[in-house]
Amino acid sequence: MESEIKESRLSRMEKVLKEKFSPKEIKLTDVSLEHAGHPGMTKDSKETHFRLQMVSSVFLGKSTVENHRLVYAELGAEFKKGLHALEMDLSSP
């Protein structure tokens, strides 16, 4: 039986963001530990809160709300699998 290596949420999210937005810059940080002790967070809660800084030409001419909606749409599957919060700083070049 081959051992299966589980891909982290961080890796999956980065892959999707790079494929869909071709960013000039991207920094995705797991900040879940900053939320330890909050309601709903247990010692087993991992990869639930992230901070994203991304620069992409896809955001050119769009409002902050439009940009956030684009990212949320692409990461919808991760929210269904336990992603709880995503803080975003999005801009165009």
N, C-alpha and C. Protein backbone atom coordinates (compact mmCIF):
# COMPACT_ATOMS: atom_id res chain seq x y z
N MET A 1 0.84 -1.19 0.00
CA MET A 1 0.00 0.00 0.00
C MET A 1 0.89 1.25 0.00
N GLU A 2 0.64 2.12 -0.95
CA GLU A 2 1.43 3.35 -1.04
C GLU A 2 0.89 4.39 -0.07
N SER A 3 1.81 5.10 0.54
CA SER A 3 1.36 6.16 1.44
C SER A 3 0.93 7.37 0.62
N GLU A 4 -0.15 7.95 1.04
CA GLU A 4 -0.69 9.11 0.33
C GLU A 4 -0.25 10.37 1.04
N ILE A 5 0.31 11.30 0.29
CA ILE A 5 0.72 12.57 0.86
C ILE A 5 -0.42 13.56 0.66
N LYS A 6 -0.95 14.04 1.76
CA LYS A 6 -2.07 14.97 1.70
C LYS A 6 -1.54 16.37 1.42
N GLU A 7 -2.07 16.99 0.40
CA GLU A 7 -1.67 18.35 0.04
C GLU A 7 -2.31 19.33 1.02
N SER A 8 -1.55 20.28 1.48
CA SER A 8 -2.06 21.26 2.44
C SER A 8 -3.05 22.20 1.77
N ARG A 9 -3.92 22.79 2.59
CA ARG A 9 -4.86 23.78 2.08
C ARG A 9 -4.10 24.96 1.49
N LEU A 10 -3.02 25.36 2.14
CA LEU A 10 -2.21 26.47 1.63
C LEU A 10 -1.73 26.17 0.21
N SER A 11 -1.23 24.97 -0.03
CA SER A 11 -0.75 24.59 -1.36
C SER A 11 -1.88 24.57 -2.38
N ARG A 12 -3.01 24.01 -1.99
CA ARG A 12 -4.16 23.96 -2.92
C ARG A 12 -4.63 25.35 -3.28
N MET A 13 -4.72 26.22 -2.28
CA MET A 13 -5.18 27.59 -2.53
C MET A 13 -4.19 28.34 -3.41
N GLU A 14 -2.91 28.23 -3.13
CA GLU A 14 -1.90 28.90 -3.96
C GLU A 14 -1.99 28.44 -5.41
N LYS A 15 -2.16 27.15 -5.60
CA LYS A 15 -2.26 26.60 -6.95
C LYS A 15 -3.44 27.21 -7.71
N VAL A 16 -4.60 27.25 -7.07
CA VAL A 16 -5.80 27.82 -7.70
C VAL A 16 -5.59 29.29 -8.01
N LEU A 17 -5.08 30.04 -7.05
CA LEU A 17 -4.89 31.48 -7.24
C LEU A 17 -3.89 31.77 -8.36
N LYS A 18 -2.82 31.00 -8.43
CA LYS A 18 -1.83 31.21 -9.49
C LYS A 18 -2.41 30.85 -10.86
N GLU A 19 -3.19 29.79 -10.93
CA GLU A 19 -3.80 29.39 -12.21
C GLU A 19 -4.83 30.39 -12.69
N LYS A 20 -5.65 30.89 -11.78
CA LYS A 20 -6.78 31.74 -12.17
C LYS A 20 -6.43 33.22 -12.30
N PHE A 21 -5.43 33.68 -11.55
CA PHE A 21 -5.13 35.11 -11.52
C PHE A 21 -3.77 35.49 -12.08
N SER A 22 -2.91 34.53 -12.39
CA SER A 22 -1.56 34.81 -12.90
C SER A 22 -0.95 36.02 -12.18
N PRO A 23 -0.84 35.95 -10.87
CA PRO A 23 -0.40 37.13 -10.13
C PRO A 23 1.04 37.54 -10.39
N LYS A 24 1.26 38.85 -10.35
CA LYS A 24 2.62 39.39 -10.43
C LYS A 24 3.31 39.17 -9.08
N GLU A 25 2.51 39.23 -8.02
CA GLU A 25 2.99 38.98 -6.66
C GLU A 25 1.89 38.23 -5.91
N ILE A 26 2.31 37.30 -5.06
CA ILE A 26 1.34 36.61 -4.21
C ILE A 26 2.02 36.20 -2.91
N LYS A 27 1.32 36.44 -1.82
CA LYS A 27 1.79 36.00 -0.51
C LYS A 27 0.56 35.51 0.24
N LEU A 28 0.53 34.21 0.53
CA LEU A 28 -0.57 33.59 1.25
C LEU A 28 -0.02 33.04 2.54
N THR A 29 -0.57 33.50 3.65
CA THR A 29 -0.05 33.15 4.97
C THR A 29 -1.14 32.50 5.81
N ASP A 30 -0.80 31.38 6.44
CA ASP A 30 -1.71 30.72 7.38
C ASP A 30 -1.61 31.45 8.71
N VAL A 31 -2.70 32.08 9.13
CA VAL A 31 -2.72 32.82 10.40
C VAL A 31 -3.68 32.17 11.40
N SER A 32 -3.92 30.88 11.23
CA SER A 32 -4.87 30.16 12.08
C SER A 32 -4.50 30.24 13.56
N LEU A 33 -3.21 30.18 13.87
CA LEU A 33 -2.79 30.21 15.27
C LEU A 33 -3.18 31.51 15.97
N GLU A 34 -3.34 32.60 15.20
CA GLU A 34 -3.75 33.87 15.79
C GLU A 34 -5.18 33.80 16.33
N HIS A 35 -5.92 32.78 15.93
CA HIS A 35 -7.33 32.64 16.31
C HIS A 35 -7.57 31.53 17.32
N ALA A 36 -6.50 30.98 17.87
CA ALA A 36 -6.63 29.94 18.89
C ALA A 36 -7.43 30.49 20.06
N GLY A 37 -8.34 29.67 20.56
CA GLY A 37 -9.17 30.09 21.69
C GLY A 37 -10.46 30.76 21.30
N HIS A 38 -10.63 31.10 20.03
CA HIS A 38 -11.88 31.69 19.58
C HIS A 38 -12.96 30.62 19.54
N PRO A 39 -14.23 30.99 19.67
CA PRO A 39 -15.30 30.00 19.59
C PRO A 39 -15.22 29.19 18.30
N GLY A 40 -15.38 27.90 18.41
CA GLY A 40 -15.32 27.03 17.24
C GLY A 40 -13.94 26.51 16.91
N MET A 41 -12.92 27.12 17.48
CA MET A 41 -11.54 26.68 17.23
C MET A 41 -11.15 25.66 18.29
N THR A 42 -10.65 24.53 17.86
CA THR A 42 -10.19 23.49 18.77
C THR A 42 -8.70 23.28 18.56
N LYS A 43 -8.10 22.44 19.39
CA LYS A 43 -6.66 22.16 19.24
C LYS A 43 -6.38 21.46 17.91
N ASP A 44 -7.41 20.87 17.30
CA ASP A 44 -7.25 20.19 16.02
C ASP A 44 -7.55 21.08 14.82
N SER A 45 -7.99 22.31 15.06
CA SER A 45 -8.29 23.23 13.96
C SER A 45 -6.99 23.67 13.30
N LYS A 46 -6.89 23.40 12.03
CA LYS A 46 -5.68 23.77 11.27
C LYS A 46 -6.10 24.35 9.92
N GLU A 47 -5.31 25.28 9.45
CA GLU A 47 -5.51 25.88 8.14
C GLU A 47 -6.94 26.38 7.95
N THR A 48 -7.39 27.20 8.90
CA THR A 48 -8.75 27.74 8.84
C THR A 48 -8.79 29.23 8.53
N HIS A 49 -7.71 29.94 8.82
CA HIS A 49 -7.65 31.39 8.64
C HIS A 49 -6.39 31.75 7.84
N PHE A 50 -6.59 32.55 6.79
CA PHE A 50 -5.46 32.94 5.94
C PHE A 50 -5.48 34.42 5.65
N ARG A 51 -4.30 34.93 5.33
CA ARG A 51 -4.11 36.32 4.89
C ARG A 51 -3.52 36.25 3.49
N LEU A 52 -4.15 36.95 2.54
CA LEU A 52 -3.70 36.94 1.15
C LEU A 52 -3.35 38.35 0.70
N GLN A 53 -2.15 38.49 0.15
CA GLN A 53 -1.73 39.72 -0.52
C GLN A 53 -1.43 39.32 -1.96
N MET A 54 -2.12 39.94 -2.91
CA MET A 54 -1.94 39.53 -4.30
C MET A 54 -2.09 40.72 -5.24
N VAL A 55 -1.21 40.76 -6.23
CA VAL A 55 -1.25 41.77 -7.28
C VAL A 55 -1.49 41.04 -8.60
N SER A 56 -2.56 41.41 -9.28
CA SER A 56 -2.91 40.75 -10.55
C SER A 56 -3.57 41.73 -11.49
N SER A 57 -3.28 41.60 -12.77
CA SER A 57 -3.92 42.46 -13.77
C SER A 57 -5.41 42.15 -13.90
N VAL A 58 -5.85 41.01 -13.40
CA VAL A 58 -7.27 40.65 -13.42
C VAL A 58 -8.08 41.68 -12.63
N PHE A 59 -7.47 42.32 -11.64
CA PHE A 59 -8.17 43.27 -10.78
C PHE A 59 -8.24 44.68 -11.36
N LEU A 60 -7.58 44.90 -12.48
CA LEU A 60 -7.53 46.22 -13.11
C LEU A 60 -8.94 46.73 -13.41
N GLY A 61 -9.27 47.92 -12.90
CA GLY A 61 -10.56 48.55 -13.19
C GLY A 61 -11.73 48.02 -12.38
N LYS A 62 -11.47 47.12 -11.45
CA LYS A 62 -12.56 46.55 -10.65
C LYS A 62 -12.53 47.12 -9.24
N SER A 63 -13.69 47.10 -8.60
CA SER A 63 -13.78 47.59 -7.22
C SER A 63 -13.25 46.54 -6.26
N THR A 64 -13.01 46.95 -5.03
CA THR A 64 -12.55 46.03 -3.98
C THR A 64 -13.54 44.88 -3.83
N VAL A 65 -14.82 45.20 -3.80
CA VAL A 65 -15.85 44.15 -3.64
C VAL A 65 -15.82 43.17 -4.81
N GLU A 66 -15.69 43.68 -6.02
CA GLU A 66 -15.60 42.80 -7.19
C GLU A 66 -14.39 41.88 -7.10
N ASN A 67 -13.25 42.43 -6.69
CA ASN A 67 -12.04 41.63 -6.55
C ASN A 67 -12.22 40.52 -5.51
N HIS A 68 -12.79 40.88 -4.37
CA HIS A 68 -13.03 39.88 -3.32
C HIS A 68 -13.97 38.79 -3.80
N ARG A 69 -15.00 39.16 -4.52
CA ARG A 69 -15.95 38.17 -5.04
C ARG A 69 -15.27 37.20 -6.01
N LEU A 70 -14.37 37.72 -6.83
CA LEU A 70 -13.64 36.86 -7.77
C LEU A 70 -12.83 35.81 -7.02
N VAL A 71 -12.13 36.24 -5.97
CA VAL A 71 -11.31 35.31 -5.19
C VAL A 71 -12.19 34.32 -4.45
N TYR A 72 -13.26 34.81 -3.80
CA TYR A 72 -14.16 33.90 -3.08
C TYR A 72 -14.75 32.85 -4.02
N ALA A 73 -15.09 33.24 -5.23
CA ALA A 73 -15.66 32.30 -6.20
C ALA A 73 -14.68 31.18 -6.52
N GLU A 74 -13.42 31.52 -6.66
CA GLU A 74 -12.41 30.51 -7.00
C GLU A 74 -12.07 29.61 -5.82
N LEU A 75 -12.24 30.11 -4.60
CA LEU A 75 -11.87 29.33 -3.42
C LEU A 75 -13.09 28.75 -2.70
N GLY A 76 -14.24 28.77 -3.34
CA GLY A 76 -15.47 28.27 -2.74
C GLY A 76 -15.37 26.86 -2.20
N ALA A 77 -14.68 25.98 -2.92
CA ALA A 77 -14.53 24.59 -2.48
C ALA A 77 -13.78 24.51 -1.16
N GLU A 78 -12.81 25.38 -0.96
CA GLU A 78 -12.04 25.37 0.29
C GLU A 78 -12.90 25.83 1.47
N PHE A 79 -13.78 26.80 1.23
CA PHE A 79 -14.68 27.23 2.30
C PHE A 79 -15.62 26.09 2.70
N LYS A 80 -16.03 25.29 1.74
CA LYS A 80 -16.89 24.14 2.03
C LYS A 80 -16.15 23.05 2.80
N LYS A 81 -14.82 23.05 2.70
CA LYS A 81 -14.00 22.03 3.36
C LYS A 81 -13.38 22.51 4.67
N GLY A 82 -13.78 23.67 5.17
CA GLY A 82 -13.28 24.10 6.47
C GLY A 82 -12.52 25.42 6.53
N LEU A 83 -12.26 26.04 5.38
CA LEU A 83 -11.67 27.38 5.41
C LEU A 83 -12.69 28.31 6.05
N HIS A 84 -12.28 29.04 7.05
CA HIS A 84 -13.23 29.87 7.80
C HIS A 84 -13.12 31.35 7.44
N ALA A 85 -11.89 31.84 7.25
CA ALA A 85 -11.73 33.27 7.01
C ALA A 85 -10.54 33.54 6.09
N LEU A 86 -10.70 34.56 5.26
CA LEU A 86 -9.66 34.97 4.34
C LEU A 86 -9.58 36.49 4.32
N GLU A 87 -8.51 37.02 4.88
CA GLU A 87 -8.26 38.46 4.87
C GLU A 87 -7.52 38.76 3.57
N MET A 88 -7.99 39.76 2.81
CA MET A 88 -7.40 40.00 1.49
C MET A 88 -6.94 41.44 1.30
N ASP A 89 -5.78 41.56 0.67
CA ASP A 89 -5.23 42.83 0.21
C ASP A 89 -4.93 42.60 -1.27
N LEU A 90 -5.85 43.05 -2.13
CA LEU A 90 -5.74 42.76 -3.56
C LEU A 90 -5.56 44.07 -4.33
N SER A 91 -4.69 44.02 -5.35
CA SER A 91 -4.48 45.22 -6.16
C SER A 91 -4.05 44.84 -7.56
N SER A 92 -4.11 45.83 -8.44
CA SER A 92 -3.62 45.64 -9.81
C SER A 92 -2.25 46.28 -9.92
N PRO A 93 -1.46 45.83 -10.91
CA PRO A 93 -0.11 46.39 -11.08
C PRO A 93 -0.14 47.86 -11.49
